[in-house]
Amino acid sequence: VYGKDVAEKFGVEEMEVTDEVFRSKYARHFDQAENRMHTIKAVMAATLGNLYIPKV
């Protein structure tokens, strides 16, 4: 909610945070690069064929 208040009051859409804030136990983010890696591997496995794809 804090970010929304800042955006409305000052017109700031993007804000930078320190590494300490980004890595804190209260941070709400996800590792985008890791998610992208799994997506790429899944697409490669599905399109290259002849690969072992375990049944889930």
PDB file of N, CA and C in Angstrom:
ATOM      1  N   VAL A   1       0.831  -1.190   0.000  1.00  0.00           N
ATOM      2  CA  VAL A   1       0.000   0.000   0.000  1.00  0.00           C
ATOM      3  C   VAL A   1       0.872   1.249   0.000  1.00  0.00           C
ATOM      4  N   TYR A   2       2.038   1.162   0.596  1.00  0.00           N
ATOM      5  CA  TYR A   2       2.936   2.316   0.655  1.00  0.00           C
ATOM      6  C   TYR A   2       3.308   2.805  -0.741  1.00  0.00           C
ATOM      7  N   GLY A   3       3.634   1.877  -1.628  1.00  0.00           N
ATOM      8  CA  GLY A   3       3.998   2.249  -2.991  1.00  0.00           C
ATOM      9  C   GLY A   3       2.873   2.950  -3.714  1.00  0.00           C
ATOM     10  N   LYS A   4       1.652   2.502  -3.499  1.00  0.00           N
ATOM     11  CA  LYS A   4       0.484   3.128  -4.127  1.00  0.00           C
ATOM     12  C   LYS A   4       0.309   4.557  -3.611  1.00  0.00           C
ATOM     13  N   ASP A   5       0.518   4.754  -2.317  1.00  0.00           N
ATOM     14  CA  ASP A   5       0.407   6.093  -1.731  1.00  0.00           C
ATOM     15  C   ASP A   5       1.439   7.041  -2.337  1.00  0.00           C
ATOM     16  N   VAL A   6       2.665   6.574  -2.495  1.00  0.00           N
ATOM     17  CA  VAL A   6       3.727   7.397  -3.082  1.00  0.00           C
ATOM     18  C   VAL A   6       3.381   7.747  -4.527  1.00  0.00           C
ATOM     19  N   ALA A   7       2.888   6.773  -5.282  1.00  0.00           N
ATOM     20  CA  ALA A   7       2.534   7.016  -6.681  1.00  0.00           C
ATOM     21  C   ALA A   7       1.431   8.054  -6.794  1.00  0.00           C
ATOM     22  N   GLU A   8       0.429   7.966  -5.943  1.00  0.00           N
ATOM     23  CA  GLU A   8      -0.681   8.919  -6.003  1.00  0.00           C
ATOM     24  C   GLU A   8      -0.259  10.316  -5.548  1.00  0.00           C
ATOM     25  N   LYS A   9       0.561  10.392  -4.510  1.00  0.00           N
ATOM     26  CA  LYS A   9       0.942  11.690  -3.953  1.00  0.00           C
ATOM     27  C   LYS A   9       1.978  12.423  -4.798  1.00  0.00           C
ATOM     28  N   PHE A  10       2.982  11.685  -5.308  1.00  0.00           N
ATOM     29  CA  PHE A  10       4.098  12.321  -5.998  1.00  0.00           C
ATOM     30  C   PHE A  10       4.149  12.028  -7.492  1.00  0.00           C
ATOM     31  N   GLY A  11       3.313  11.131  -7.983  1.00  0.00           N
ATOM     32  CA  GLY A  11       3.334  10.788  -9.400  1.00  0.00           C
ATOM     33  C   GLY A  11       4.513   9.916  -9.791  1.00  0.00           C
ATOM     34  N   VAL A  12       5.119   9.241  -8.815  1.00  0.00           N
ATOM     35  CA  VAL A  12       6.266   8.375  -9.082  1.00  0.00           C
ATOM     36  C   VAL A  12       5.748   6.977  -9.377  1.00  0.00           C
ATOM     37  N   GLU A  13       6.050   6.460 -10.541  1.00  0.00           N
ATOM     38  CA  GLU A  13       5.584   5.129 -10.923  1.00  0.00           C
ATOM     39  C   GLU A  13       6.598   4.039 -10.575  1.00  0.00           C
ATOM     40  N   GLU A  14       7.889   4.354 -10.642  1.00  0.00           N
ATOM     41  CA  GLU A  14       8.933   3.371 -10.363  1.00  0.00           C
ATOM     42  C   GLU A  14       9.769   3.858  -9.192  1.00  0.00           C
ATOM     43  N   MET A  15      10.173   2.915  -8.353  1.00  0.00           N
ATOM     44  CA  MET A  15      11.030   3.260  -7.224  1.00  0.00           C
ATOM     45  C   MET A  15      12.140   2.228  -7.115  1.00  0.00           C
ATOM     46  N   GLU A  16      13.320   2.692  -6.740  1.00  0.00           N
ATOM     47  CA  GLU A  16      14.429   1.781  -6.491  1.00  0.00           C
ATOM     48  C   GLU A  16      14.470   1.463  -5.004  1.00  0.00           C
ATOM     49  N   VAL A  17      14.878   0.248  -4.692  1.00  0.00           N
ATOM     50  CA  VAL A  17      15.014  -0.145  -3.290  1.00  0.00           C
ATOM     51  C   VAL A  17      16.430  -0.637  -3.054  1.00  0.00           C
ATOM     52  N   THR A  18      16.839  -0.581  -1.806  1.00  0.00           N
ATOM     53  CA  THR A  18      18.171  -1.077  -1.469  1.00  0.00           C
ATOM     54  C   THR A  18      18.163  -2.597  -1.463  1.00  0.00           C
ATOM     55  N   ASP A  19      19.335  -3.171  -1.539  1.00  0.00           N
ATOM     56  CA  ASP A  19      19.454  -4.627  -1.509  1.00  0.00           C
ATOM     57  C   ASP A  19      18.929  -5.185  -0.189  1.00  0.00           C
ATOM     58  N   GLU A  20      19.132  -4.434   0.875  1.00  0.00           N
ATOM     59  CA  GLU A  20      18.657  -4.866   2.193  1.00  0.00           C
ATOM     60  C   GLU A  20      17.130  -5.007   2.208  1.00  0.00           C
ATOM     61  N   VAL A  21      16.442  -4.070   1.608  1.00  0.00           N
ATOM     62  CA  VAL A  21      14.978  -4.136   1.534  1.00  0.00           C
ATOM     63  C   VAL A  21      14.548  -5.257   0.601  1.00  0.00           C
ATOM     64  N   PHE A  22      15.213  -5.375  -0.534  1.00  0.00           N
ATOM     65  CA  PHE A  22      14.851  -6.385  -1.528  1.00  0.00           C
ATOM     66  C   PHE A  22      15.014  -7.797  -0.988  1.00  0.00           C
ATOM     67  N   ARG A  23      16.023  -8.027  -0.162  1.00  0.00           N
ATOM     68  CA  ARG A  23      16.314  -9.359   0.362  1.00  0.00           C
ATOM     69  C   ARG A  23      15.702  -9.621   1.744  1.00  0.00           C
ATOM     70  N   SER A  24      14.947  -8.685   2.273  1.00  0.00           N
ATOM     71  CA  SER A  24      14.396  -8.864   3.618  1.00  0.00           C
ATOM     72  C   SER A  24      13.325  -9.948   3.641  1.00  0.00           C
ATOM     73  N   LYS A  25      12.994 -10.410   4.837  1.00  0.00           N
ATOM     74  CA  LYS A  25      11.988 -11.468   4.957  1.00  0.00           C
ATOM     75  C   LYS A  25      10.597 -10.958   4.609  1.00  0.00           C
ATOM     76  N   TYR A  26      10.421  -9.645   4.514  1.00  0.00           N
ATOM     77  CA  TYR A  26       9.118  -9.072   4.172  1.00  0.00           C
ATOM     78  C   TYR A  26       8.972  -8.799   2.677  1.00  0.00           C
ATOM     79  N   ALA A  27      10.016  -9.037   1.910  1.00  0.00           N
ATOM     80  CA  ALA A  27       9.990  -8.757   0.473  1.00  0.00           C
ATOM     81  C   ALA A  27       9.005  -9.688  -0.232  1.00  0.00           C
ATOM     82  N   ARG A  28       8.298  -9.148  -1.196  1.00  0.00           N
ATOM     83  CA  ARG A  28       7.344  -9.929  -1.987  1.00  0.00           C
ATOM     84  C   ARG A  28       7.745  -9.822  -3.458  1.00  0.00           C
ATOM     85  N   HIS A  29       8.618 -10.709  -3.884  1.00  0.00           N
ATOM     86  CA  HIS A  29       9.083 -10.732  -5.265  1.00  0.00           C
ATOM     87  C   HIS A  29       9.384 -12.172  -5.638  1.00  0.00           C
ATOM     88  N   PHE A  30       9.697 -12.395  -6.872  1.00  0.00           N
ATOM     89  CA  PHE A  30      10.062 -13.735  -7.314  1.00  0.00           C
ATOM     90  C   PHE A  30      11.277 -13.636  -8.221  1.00  0.00           C
ATOM     91  N   ASP A  31      12.010 -14.720  -8.303  1.00  0.00           N
ATOM     92  CA  ASP A  31      13.201 -14.741  -9.143  1.00  0.00           C
ATOM     93  C   ASP A  31      12.791 -15.026 -10.575  1.00  0.00           C
ATOM     94  N   GLN A  32      12.678 -13.987 -11.369  1.00  0.00           N
ATOM     95  CA  GLN A  32      12.179 -14.100 -12.730  1.00  0.00           C
ATOM     96  C   GLN A  32      13.104 -14.932 -13.608  1.00  0.00           C
ATOM     97  N   ALA A  33      14.392 -14.786 -13.447  1.00  0.00           N
ATOM     98  CA  ALA A  33      15.331 -15.529 -14.289  1.00  0.00           C
ATOM     99  C   ALA A  33      15.195 -17.030 -14.076  1.00  0.00           C
ATOM    100  N   GLU A  34      14.983 -17.447 -12.852  1.00  0.00           N
ATOM    101  CA  GLU A  34      14.837 -18.878 -12.588  1.00  0.00           C
ATOM    102  C   GLU A  34      13.569 -19.416 -13.248  1.00  0.00           C
ATOM    103  N   ASN A  35      12.480 -18.668 -13.166  1.00  0.00           N
ATOM    104  CA  ASN A  35      11.242 -19.090 -13.817  1.00  0.00           C
ATOM    105  C   ASN A  35      11.432 -19.179 -15.332  1.00  0.00           C
ATOM    106  N   ARG A  36      12.167 -18.230 -15.900  1.00  0.00           N
ATOM    107  CA  ARG A  36      12.407 -18.223 -17.340  1.00  0.00           C
ATOM    108  C   ARG A  36      13.221 -19.439 -17.769  1.00  0.00           C
ATOM    109  N   MET A  37      14.205 -19.823 -16.950  1.00  0.00           N
ATOM    110  CA  MET A  37      15.036 -20.980 -17.271  1.00  0.00           C
ATOM    111  C   MET A  37      14.184 -22.245 -17.369  1.00  0.00           C
ATOM    112  N   HIS A  38      13.276 -22.442 -16.422  1.00  0.00           N
ATOM    113  CA  HIS A  38      12.436 -23.634 -16.451  1.00  0.00           C
ATOM    114  C   HIS A  38      11.492 -23.618 -17.657  1.00  0.00           C
ATOM    115  N   THR A  39      11.016 -22.452 -18.029  1.00  0.00           N
ATOM    116  CA  THR A  39      10.154 -22.339 -19.205  1.00  0.00           C
ATOM    117  C   THR A  39      10.916 -22.703 -20.468  1.00  0.00           C
ATOM    118  N   ILE A  40      12.118 -22.200 -20.609  1.00  0.00           N
ATOM    119  CA  ILE A  40      12.940 -22.500 -21.787  1.00  0.00           C
ATOM    120  C   ILE A  40      13.238 -23.992 -21.864  1.00  0.00           C
ATOM    121  N   LYS A  41      13.580 -24.591 -20.732  1.00  0.00           N
ATOM    122  CA  LYS A  41      13.861 -26.033 -20.722  1.00  0.00           C
ATOM    123  C   LYS A  41      12.626 -26.839 -21.123  1.00  0.00           C
ATOM    124  N   ALA A  42      11.456 -26.431 -20.672  1.00  0.00           N
ATOM    125  CA  ALA A  42      10.224 -27.143 -21.019  1.00  0.00           C
ATOM    126  C   ALA A  42       9.913 -27.026 -22.502  1.00  0.00           C
ATOM    127  N   VAL A  43      10.100 -25.842 -23.068  1.00  0.00           N
ATOM    128  CA  VAL A  43       9.854 -25.647 -24.501  1.00  0.00           C
ATOM    129  C   VAL A  43      10.839 -26.469 -25.319  1.00  0.00           C
ATOM    130  N   MET A  44      12.100 -26.484 -24.918  1.00  0.00           N
ATOM    131  CA  MET A  44      13.098 -27.275 -25.637  1.00  0.00           C
ATOM    132  C   MET A  44      12.766 -28.760 -25.568  1.00  0.00           C
ATOM    133  N   ALA A  45      12.376 -29.240 -24.397  1.00  0.00           N
ATOM    134  CA  ALA A  45      12.048 -30.655 -24.244  1.00  0.00           C
ATOM    135  C   ALA A  45      10.841 -31.029 -25.093  1.00  0.00           C
ATOM    136  N   ALA A  46       9.871 -30.134 -25.190  1.00  0.00           N
ATOM    137  CA  ALA A  46       8.657 -30.431 -25.950  1.00  0.00           C
ATOM    138  C   ALA A  46       8.880 -30.359 -27.451  1.00  0.00           C
ATOM    139  N   THR A  47       9.794 -29.523 -27.915  1.00  0.00           N
ATOM    140  CA  THR A  47       9.954 -29.317 -29.357  1.00  0.00           C
ATOM    141  C   THR A  47      11.099 -30.109 -29.987  1.00  0.00           C
ATOM    142  N   LEU A  48      12.118 -30.451 -29.231  1.00  0.00           N
ATOM    143  CA  LEU A  48      13.259 -31.150 -29.815  1.00  0.00           C
ATOM    144  C   LEU A  48      12.995 -32.635 -30.011  1.00  0.00           C
ATOM    145  N   GLY A  49      12.047 -33.164 -29.272  1.00  0.00           N
ATOM    146  CA  GLY A  49      11.712 -34.576 -29.415  1.00  0.00           C
ATOM    147  C   GLY A  49      12.826 -35.487 -28.936  1.00  0.00           C
ATOM    148  N   ASN A  50      12.533 -36.771 -28.847  1.00  0.00           N
ATOM    149  CA  ASN A  50      13.511 -37.778 -28.456  1.00  0.00           C
ATOM    150  C   ASN A  50      14.115 -37.519 -27.078  1.00  0.00           C
ATOM    151  N   LEU A  51      13.431 -36.785 -26.263  1.00  0.00           N
ATOM    152  CA  LEU A  51      13.912 -36.495 -24.920  1.00  0.00           C
ATOM    153  C   LEU A  51      12.990 -37.151 -23.909  1.00  0.00           C
ATOM    154  N   TYR A  52      13.536 -37.476 -22.771  1.00  0.00           N
ATOM    155  CA  TYR A  52      12.733 -38.087 -21.718  1.00  0.00           C
ATOM    156  C   TYR A  52      11.923 -37.007 -21.013  1.00  0.00           C
ATOM    157  N   ILE A  53      10.623 -37.118 -21.058  1.00  0.00           N
ATOM    158  CA  ILE A  53       9.735 -36.203 -20.353  1.00  0.00           C
ATOM    159  C   ILE A  53       8.929 -37.039 -19.371  1.00  0.00           C
ATOM    160  N   PRO A  54       9.204 -36.911 -18.091  1.00  0.00           N
ATOM    161  CA  PRO A  54       8.489 -37.734 -17.106  1.00  0.00           C
ATOM    162  C   PRO A  54       7.017 -37.370 -17.048  1.00  0.00           C
ATOM    163  N   LYS A  55       6.191 -38.374 -16.814  1.00  0.00           N
ATOM    164  CA  LYS A  55       4.758 -38.120 -16.674  1.00  0.00           C
ATOM    165  C   LYS A  55       4.503 -37.620 -15.266  1.00  0.00           C
ATOM    166  N   VAL A  56       3.716 -36.593 -15.166  1.00  0.00           N
ATOM    167  CA  VAL A  56       3.436 -35.986 -13.860  1.00  0.00           C
ATOM    168  C   VAL A  56       2.092 -36.445 -13.370  1.00  0.00           C
TER     169      VAL A  56
END
